[in-house]
Amino acid sequence: SYKEMARRLGLREEAVRKRIHRANQMLRRKLQNVWPGNAPGNAG
């Protein structure tokens, strides 16, 4: 859970959520370069 990750990392839960969100955005962008139109989160 986010709460457990935050506790183990010594961060606030909100900081963990933001970091994971940013990491997902970065991964999505990188995947779009490799598989245009088929990256996770795309409808096509």
N, C-alpha and C. Protein backbone atom coordinates (compact mmCIF):
# COMPACT_ATOMS: atom_id res chain seq x y z
N SER A 1 0.84 -1.19 0.00
CA SER A 1 0.00 0.00 0.00
C SER A 1 0.88 1.25 0.00
N TYR A 2 0.27 2.35 -0.40
CA TYR A 2 1.01 3.62 -0.38
C TYR A 2 1.45 3.95 1.04
N LYS A 3 0.60 3.66 1.99
CA LYS A 3 0.92 3.95 3.39
C LYS A 3 2.16 3.18 3.84
N GLU A 4 2.22 1.90 3.48
CA GLU A 4 3.37 1.07 3.85
C GLU A 4 4.64 1.54 3.14
N MET A 5 4.54 1.87 1.86
CA MET A 5 5.71 2.38 1.13
C MET A 5 6.22 3.67 1.77
N ALA A 6 5.30 4.55 2.11
CA ALA A 6 5.68 5.82 2.73
C ALA A 6 6.39 5.58 4.06
N ARG A 7 5.85 4.68 4.85
CA ARG A 7 6.45 4.38 6.15
C ARG A 7 7.87 3.84 5.96
N ARG A 8 8.03 2.90 5.05
CA ARG A 8 9.35 2.29 4.84
C ARG A 8 10.37 3.26 4.24
N LEU A 9 9.89 4.19 3.41
CA LEU A 9 10.78 5.15 2.77
C LEU A 9 10.99 6.42 3.59
N GLY A 10 10.21 6.58 4.64
CA GLY A 10 10.31 7.79 5.46
C GLY A 10 9.77 9.01 4.75
N LEU A 11 8.72 8.80 3.94
CA LEU A 11 8.10 9.89 3.19
C LEU A 11 6.64 10.01 3.58
N ARG A 12 6.04 11.13 3.17
CA ARG A 12 4.60 11.27 3.34
C ARG A 12 3.91 10.43 2.27
N GLU A 13 2.73 9.96 2.57
CA GLU A 13 1.98 9.15 1.61
C GLU A 13 1.74 9.90 0.31
N GLU A 14 1.46 11.19 0.41
CA GLU A 14 1.23 12.01 -0.79
C GLU A 14 2.47 12.05 -1.68
N ALA A 15 3.65 12.11 -1.07
CA ALA A 15 4.89 12.13 -1.84
C ALA A 15 5.07 10.81 -2.61
N VAL A 16 4.72 9.70 -1.98
CA VAL A 16 4.81 8.40 -2.65
C VAL A 16 3.86 8.36 -3.83
N ARG A 17 2.64 8.82 -3.64
CA ARG A 17 1.65 8.84 -4.72
C ARG A 17 2.14 9.69 -5.90
N LYS A 18 2.70 10.85 -5.61
CA LYS A 18 3.19 11.74 -6.67
C LYS A 18 4.35 11.11 -7.42
N ARG A 19 5.26 10.47 -6.70
CA ARG A 19 6.42 9.85 -7.35
C ARG A 19 5.98 8.70 -8.26
N ILE A 20 5.04 7.91 -7.80
CA ILE A 20 4.55 6.80 -8.62
C ILE A 20 3.81 7.34 -9.84
N HIS A 21 3.04 8.39 -9.65
CA HIS A 21 2.32 9.00 -10.77
C HIS A 21 3.31 9.51 -11.82
N ARG A 22 4.35 10.22 -11.37
CA ARG A 22 5.36 10.73 -12.30
C ARG A 22 6.09 9.60 -13.01
N ALA A 23 6.40 8.55 -12.29
CA ALA A 23 7.09 7.40 -12.90
C ALA A 23 6.21 6.76 -13.97
N ASN A 24 4.91 6.64 -13.69
CA ASN A 24 3.98 6.09 -14.69
C ASN A 24 3.92 6.97 -15.93
N GLN A 25 3.91 8.28 -15.74
CA GLN A 25 3.90 9.20 -16.88
C GLN A 25 5.16 9.04 -17.72
N MET A 26 6.31 8.96 -17.06
CA MET A 26 7.58 8.81 -17.77
C MET A 26 7.60 7.50 -18.55
N LEU A 27 7.15 6.42 -17.93
CA LEU A 27 7.12 5.12 -18.60
C LEU A 27 6.18 5.16 -19.80
N ARG A 28 5.03 5.78 -19.64
CA ARG A 28 4.07 5.88 -20.75
C ARG A 28 4.69 6.61 -21.93
N ARG A 29 5.40 7.73 -21.65
CA ARG A 29 6.05 8.49 -22.73
C ARG A 29 7.10 7.65 -23.44
N LYS A 30 7.90 6.92 -22.65
CA LYS A 30 8.94 6.09 -23.25
C LYS A 30 8.34 4.97 -24.09
N LEU A 31 7.26 4.37 -23.63
CA LEU A 31 6.61 3.30 -24.39
C LEU A 31 5.99 3.83 -25.67
N GLN A 32 5.50 5.05 -25.65
CA GLN A 32 4.92 5.63 -26.86
C GLN A 32 5.98 5.78 -27.94
N ASN A 33 7.23 6.01 -27.55
CA ASN A 33 8.32 6.11 -28.53
C ASN A 33 8.63 4.76 -29.15
N VAL A 34 8.42 3.68 -28.41
CA VAL A 34 8.71 2.34 -28.89
C VAL A 34 7.53 1.75 -29.64
N TRP A 35 6.32 1.92 -29.07
CA TRP A 35 5.09 1.36 -29.66
C TRP A 35 4.06 2.46 -29.82
N PRO A 36 4.23 3.36 -30.78
CA PRO A 36 3.26 4.45 -30.95
C PRO A 36 1.84 3.91 -31.13
N GLY A 37 0.92 4.50 -30.39
CA GLY A 37 -0.48 4.12 -30.49
C GLY A 37 -0.87 2.90 -29.70
N ASN A 38 0.10 2.16 -29.17
CA ASN A 38 -0.21 0.95 -28.42
C ASN A 38 0.30 0.98 -26.99
N ALA A 39 0.76 2.12 -26.52
CA ALA A 39 1.26 2.22 -25.16
C ALA A 39 0.10 2.08 -24.19
N PRO A 40 0.36 1.53 -23.01
CA PRO A 40 -0.71 1.41 -22.02
C PRO A 40 -1.36 2.76 -21.76
N GLY A 41 -2.65 2.75 -21.65
CA GLY A 41 -3.38 3.99 -21.42
C GLY A 41 -3.95 4.58 -22.68
N ASN A 42 -3.50 4.11 -23.83
CA ASN A 42 -4.03 4.57 -25.11
C ASN A 42 -5.19 3.68 -25.52
N ALA A 43 -6.21 4.28 -26.09
CA ALA A 43 -7.37 3.51 -26.53
C ALA A 43 -7.10 2.78 -27.84
N GLY A 44 -6.08 3.17 -28.57
CA GLY A 44 -5.85 2.58 -29.89
C GLY A 44 -4.81 1.62 -29.88
